[in-house]
Every structure is written in structure tokens, then in C-alpha cells.
Amino acid sequence: TDKITKRIPIGPAPNQLAVTPDGKFAYIPVNDGHYEVVDVPAGKIVERIFTGGRPHNTLCSADGQRMYLAPMGNPKKVSIAEVSTHKIIAEVPFSNVVRPVAVTRDEKRLFAEVDGLVGIEMADVPSRKMISRVAAQLNDKHKLVGSRSHGLALRPDEKEIWECDVEHMEVHVYDITGKAPKQIATIPMGGRVYWLTFSPDGKMAYVSVRSNSETAVVDTATKQIVARVPAGKEPKR
């Protein structure tokens, strides 16, 4: 019906939330250092989880049993919460302020973009350790221009991870079938990028090109842009 059916008051400046596959719980980062857990059918907050920093990104495990909480700021880590108890059960540190994150379906590998790095970091979740830091391959011109990575997603077959390089106007592709991620492609986007996602079959990637007010559609096999879809002003996520 395209109609709002309910409104649930929550904390300030909510950002990227995640919902369990059964639709029962939503974990919502708010700007006071907490993630708020909403019982969706009941329409109320049932827990507030303190992580510190500025809560910003959230991922749910494929089986719906754990939430990965990625606040910005001083924590410089991802906290893992158990959905059955709404309690933090583990923490995975990274080298700097954590931005977008991605986790494999088996939850063995956790990837993050961090402040101060154009590229990605990879952590081993069982051991709670960051094990790889991979800087993107940049041409000489781009090395003179400051940028940051923002926009990260695993291709559905989980053989590749794709990363947006904002100011250099590129998407970098990394092979993750080996021990450490290895960059295998650079895709010029023609404008400042900020986020990306994949079609369920993994054949297409959709990249928000903010400065062009469009979404670029990339064939993931050829790594070529096959369409540009006009969008509203400065699309982000």
C-alpha cells in the first residue's frame, strides 16, 4: 500500500540499522553511544547496548543469531552482540576508526574500511584479530589527492569484495579466495562514489555516484559499467 503503518520513537540521528531475518528484532545505531534493540512486532525498545563512539553501521549474521555493531570514533572496533540475549559477546579491533563493514556468511572473516586507508582491512573473527591490511593500488596522480574508502560489499559468491574510493572516483575489486585480499580490478566511475550493493545473483553491482546524481550499474564479470540510472540529488546509500 506504500503507507506508513507505525512510528516508533528512538534515539537521535539513527543510521544504518539491521533486522533479523525473522523480522523480530531491529538493531538501530543512534547518536548517543548506543545501539537500540527494537522488538518490531511489539513496536518498542527492549534494550540499549552501549558501544561508545558514534554508532553508525550494523550487520546481521546470515542465521540471525548475531549482530555486528560498528561505531565510529574512539572504539576502533566492531562489537558482536548475541541476539538471544542482546549482550555483547566479542569485540574485533581494527587499526583506526571503523567505517562500513562486511562479514562472510560463515562469520570467519570480517572486513572493514577504516579512516586513513584507501583500501580494506580483514579480521579473523574466531581469533578476534585483524590479520590483513591492504592498501588500494593507486596511480601516481591519485596518490597526490587525499581520499577515503566508503562503501563496501561482498559479491554474493563471496569470492570478491568491492570497495568505493570516494575522491578518486573509483571502485576497487579484491579477490578474497586466498589468505589475503588481492586487488584485481579498478573501475573508474566518473564521479564521487559512496556506496554499493549487488543483485542477489551477483551479476550486477549498483554504485551510488553522488556527484553525478546517478546509480551506475556494473557487470561484475566484465567489470564494465553497462548503465547509468538518474537518481535524486547526491544519492548516498
Protein backbone atom coordinates (compact mmCIF):
# COMPACT_ATOMS: atom_id res chain seq x y z
CA THR A 1 0.00 0.00 0.00
CA ASP A 2 3.04 2.28 0.31
CA LYS A 3 1.59 3.63 3.56
CA ILE A 4 3.36 4.10 6.89
CA THR A 5 1.74 1.72 9.36
CA LYS A 6 3.61 2.55 12.56
CA ARG A 7 6.11 5.00 14.00
CA ILE A 8 8.48 4.03 16.82
CA PRO A 9 10.27 6.81 18.73
CA ILE A 10 14.01 6.08 19.07
CA GLY A 11 17.23 7.91 19.92
CA PRO A 12 18.92 10.72 17.99
CA ALA A 13 20.20 10.54 14.41
CA PRO A 14 19.65 6.84 13.62
CA ASN A 15 21.85 5.43 10.88
CA GLN A 16 22.27 2.05 9.15
CA LEU A 17 20.11 -0.44 11.02
CA ALA A 18 19.83 -4.20 10.57
CA VAL A 19 16.87 -6.53 11.09
CA THR A 20 16.95 -10.24 11.91
CA PRO A 21 15.75 -12.50 9.06
CA ASP A 22 12.62 -13.43 11.01
CA GLY A 23 11.72 -9.76 11.29
CA LYS A 24 11.54 -9.82 15.07
CA PHE A 25 14.37 -7.52 16.13
CA ALA A 26 15.88 -4.37 14.66
CA TYR A 27 19.25 -3.11 15.90
CA ILE A 28 19.46 0.64 15.36
CA PRO A 29 22.59 2.77 15.87
CA VAL A 30 21.77 6.12 17.46
CA ASN A 31 24.00 9.08 18.11
CA ASP A 32 24.32 8.84 21.91
CA GLY A 33 26.74 5.90 22.01
CA HIS A 34 24.07 3.18 22.00
CA TYR A 35 22.51 0.63 19.70
CA GLU A 36 18.79 0.39 20.41
CA VAL A 37 17.13 -3.01 20.07
CA VAL A 38 13.55 -2.75 18.90
CA ASP A 39 11.05 -5.58 19.24
CA VAL A 40 9.48 -4.98 15.84
CA PRO A 41 6.10 -6.74 16.38
CA ALA A 42 5.67 -5.00 19.73
CA GLY A 43 6.94 -1.70 18.39
CA LYS A 44 9.10 -0.85 21.38
CA ILE A 45 12.71 -0.60 22.50
CA VAL A 46 13.65 -3.61 24.63
CA GLU A 47 17.38 -2.98 25.15
CA ARG A 48 20.04 -0.30 24.72
CA ILE A 49 23.58 -1.58 24.08
CA PHE A 50 26.42 0.82 24.83
CA THR A 51 29.40 0.73 22.47
CA GLY A 52 30.65 4.27 22.82
CA GLY A 53 31.71 6.39 19.90
CA ARG A 54 29.10 7.31 17.32
CA PRO A 55 27.14 4.18 16.37
CA HIS A 56 26.86 4.12 12.59
CA ASN A 57 26.78 0.74 10.81
CA THR A 58 25.12 -2.59 11.61
CA LEU A 59 25.20 -6.09 10.08
CA CYS A 60 23.20 -9.19 10.96
CA SER A 61 24.67 -12.67 10.60
CA ALA A 62 23.06 -14.85 7.93
CA ASP A 63 21.42 -17.07 10.57
CA GLY A 64 20.11 -14.09 12.53
CA GLN A 65 21.88 -15.06 15.74
CA ARG A 66 24.45 -12.26 15.96
CA MET A 67 24.66 -8.56 15.19
CA TYR A 68 27.88 -6.80 14.21
CA LEU A 69 27.92 -3.29 15.65
CA ALA A 70 30.37 -0.81 14.08
CA PRO A 71 30.51 2.58 15.81
CA MET A 72 32.67 5.41 14.51
CA GLY A 73 35.11 7.25 16.76
CA ASN A 74 37.39 6.05 19.53
CA PRO A 75 36.22 2.44 19.91
CA LYS A 76 38.09 1.45 16.69
CA LYS A 77 36.46 -1.97 16.89
CA VAL A 78 33.40 -3.96 15.94
CA SER A 79 31.32 -5.42 18.77
CA ILE A 80 29.42 -8.66 18.25
CA ALA A 81 26.08 -8.93 20.07
CA GLU A 82 24.16 -12.16 20.68
CA VAL A 83 20.57 -11.64 19.53
CA SER A 84 19.09 -14.10 22.05
CA THR A 85 20.41 -12.06 24.98
CA HIS A 86 21.11 -8.64 23.37
CA LYS A 87 24.52 -8.71 25.06
CA ILE A 88 27.99 -8.13 23.57
CA ILE A 89 29.87 -11.43 23.41
CA ALA A 90 33.02 -10.42 21.49
CA GLU A 91 34.97 -7.49 20.08
CA VAL A 92 37.15 -7.31 16.97
CA PRO A 93 39.70 -4.45 16.92
CA PHE A 94 40.84 -2.61 13.81
CA SER A 95 43.66 -0.10 13.27
CA ASN A 96 41.56 3.06 13.17
CA VAL A 97 38.03 4.46 13.18
CA VAL A 98 35.75 1.85 11.61
CA ARG A 99 33.52 2.83 8.72
CA PRO A 100 31.44 0.37 6.58
CA VAL A 101 31.87 -3.34 7.31
CA ALA A 102 31.08 -6.69 5.67
CA VAL A 103 31.06 -10.24 7.06
CA THR A 104 31.11 -13.63 5.32
CA ARG A 105 28.16 -15.98 5.75
CA ASP A 106 30.26 -18.39 7.83
CA GLU A 107 31.39 -15.46 10.01
CA LYS A 108 35.04 -16.39 9.71
CA ARG A 109 36.10 -13.15 8.01
CA LEU A 110 35.12 -9.59 8.84
CA PHE A 111 36.11 -6.74 6.52
CA ALA A 112 36.21 -3.04 7.33
CA GLU A 113 37.04 0.29 5.80
CA VAL A 114 38.87 2.49 8.27
CA ASP A 115 39.88 6.13 8.46
CA GLY A 116 43.29 6.87 6.96
CA LEU A 117 43.26 3.97 4.49
CA VAL A 118 42.14 3.79 0.89
CA GLY A 119 41.66 0.04 0.89
CA ILE A 120 40.39 -2.58 3.32
CA GLU A 121 41.29 -4.43 6.49
CA MET A 122 40.36 -8.06 7.15
CA ALA A 123 39.90 -9.72 10.53
CA ASP A 124 39.71 -13.35 11.58
CA VAL A 125 36.51 -13.45 13.62
CA PRO A 126 37.17 -16.63 15.67
CA SER A 127 40.50 -15.29 16.93
CA ARG A 128 39.22 -11.68 17.19
CA LYS A 129 42.27 -10.36 15.33
CA MET A 130 42.85 -8.10 12.34
CA ILE A 131 45.06 -10.17 10.03
CA SER A 132 45.35 -8.18 6.77
CA ARG A 133 45.61 -4.53 5.82
CA VAL A 134 45.51 -3.94 2.07
CA ALA A 135 46.07 -0.53 0.54
CA ALA A 136 44.46 0.03 -2.83
CA GLN A 137 46.66 0.28 -5.90
CA LEU A 138 46.54 3.94 -6.96
CA ASN A 139 48.03 5.70 -9.96
CA ASP A 140 50.60 8.45 -9.35
CA LYS A 141 48.05 11.24 -9.83
CA HIS A 142 45.67 9.80 -7.28
CA LYS A 143 48.45 9.35 -4.75
CA LEU A 144 48.61 13.16 -4.57
CA VAL A 145 44.89 13.53 -3.81
CA GLY A 146 43.50 12.67 -0.39
CA SER A 147 40.58 10.28 -0.32
CA ARG A 148 38.81 7.73 1.85
CA SER A 149 37.04 4.47 1.33
CA HIS A 150 33.28 4.45 1.95
CA GLY A 151 31.10 1.71 0.52
CA LEU A 152 31.93 -1.96 0.96
CA ALA A 153 30.17 -5.16 -0.09
CA LEU A 154 30.85 -8.84 -0.65
CA ARG A 155 29.87 -10.20 -4.03
CA PRO A 156 27.25 -12.89 -3.27
CA ASP A 157 29.56 -15.76 -4.27
CA GLU A 158 32.00 -14.38 -1.65
CA LYS A 159 34.96 -14.66 -3.99
CA GLU A 160 35.34 -10.88 -4.22
CA ILE A 161 34.89 -7.79 -2.08
CA TRP A 162 34.27 -4.39 -3.69
CA GLU A 163 35.31 -1.06 -2.16
CA CYS A 164 34.41 2.53 -3.08
CA ASP A 165 37.22 5.12 -3.25
CA VAL A 166 35.32 8.39 -2.76
CA GLU A 167 37.52 11.21 -4.06
CA HIS A 168 39.45 9.15 -6.60
CA MET A 169 36.09 8.24 -8.16
CA GLU A 170 36.86 4.53 -8.41
CA VAL A 171 35.66 1.16 -7.26
CA HIS A 172 38.36 -1.35 -6.34
CA VAL A 173 37.77 -5.10 -6.55
CA TYR A 174 39.68 -7.62 -4.41
CA ASP A 175 39.95 -11.39 -4.79
CA ILE A 176 39.42 -12.92 -1.34
CA THR A 177 39.88 -16.60 -2.18
CA GLY A 178 43.46 -16.59 -0.87
CA LYS A 179 44.99 -15.89 2.53
CA ALA A 180 44.93 -12.12 2.00
CA PRO A 181 42.78 -9.91 -0.25
CA LYS A 182 44.39 -9.12 -3.60
CA GLN A 183 43.26 -6.24 -5.79
CA ILE A 184 42.28 -7.48 -9.24
CA ALA A 185 40.42 -4.56 -10.81
CA THR A 186 39.95 -0.80 -10.70
CA ILE A 187 36.73 0.59 -12.16
CA PRO A 188 36.64 4.36 -12.93
CA MET A 189 33.18 5.71 -12.10
CA GLY A 190 33.34 9.26 -13.47
CA GLY A 191 32.18 10.86 -10.23
CA ARG A 192 32.45 10.68 -6.45
CA VAL A 193 31.17 7.34 -5.16
CA TYR A 194 29.81 6.49 -1.72
CA TRP A 195 28.06 3.11 -1.54
CA LEU A 196 27.40 -0.08 -3.47
CA THR A 197 25.27 -3.18 -3.38
CA PHE A 198 24.76 -6.30 -5.53
CA SER A 199 21.87 -8.01 -7.24
CA PRO A 200 21.03 -11.27 -5.41
CA ASP A 201 22.61 -13.36 -8.18
CA GLY A 202 25.79 -11.28 -8.05
CA LYS A 203 25.75 -10.48 -11.75
CA MET A 204 25.31 -6.74 -11.27
CA ALA A 205 26.72 -4.18 -8.85
CA TYR A 206 24.93 -0.90 -8.20
CA VAL A 207 27.13 2.05 -7.20
CA SER A 208 25.88 5.41 -5.95
CA VAL A 209 27.75 8.10 -7.87
CA ARG A 210 26.93 11.07 -5.68
CA SER A 211 28.41 13.91 -7.70
CA ASN A 212 26.56 12.77 -10.84
CA SER A 213 23.24 12.16 -9.07
CA GLU A 214 23.05 8.67 -10.53
CA THR A 215 23.46 4.98 -9.87
CA ALA A 216 25.99 3.19 -12.06
CA VAL A 217 25.26 -0.43 -12.96
CA VAL A 218 28.36 -2.62 -13.31
CA ASP A 219 28.57 -6.06 -14.92
CA THR A 220 30.52 -7.96 -12.26
CA ALA A 221 32.00 -10.44 -14.75
CA THR A 222 33.48 -7.85 -17.13
CA LYS A 223 33.88 -5.06 -14.52
CA GLN A 224 32.33 -2.66 -17.06
CA ILE A 225 29.61 -0.06 -16.48
CA VAL A 226 26.58 -1.13 -18.52
CA ALA A 227 24.06 1.52 -17.48
CA ARG A 228 23.71 4.78 -15.59
CA VAL A 229 20.39 5.40 -13.86
CA PRO A 230 19.44 9.00 -12.97
CA ALA A 231 18.60 9.47 -9.30
CA GLY A 232 17.76 12.29 -6.93
CA LYS A 233 20.31 14.78 -5.69
CA GLU A 234 23.52 13.18 -4.35
CA PRO A 235 22.39 9.59 -3.73
CA LYS A 236 24.25 8.01 -0.82
CA ARG A 237 23.07 4.59 0.34
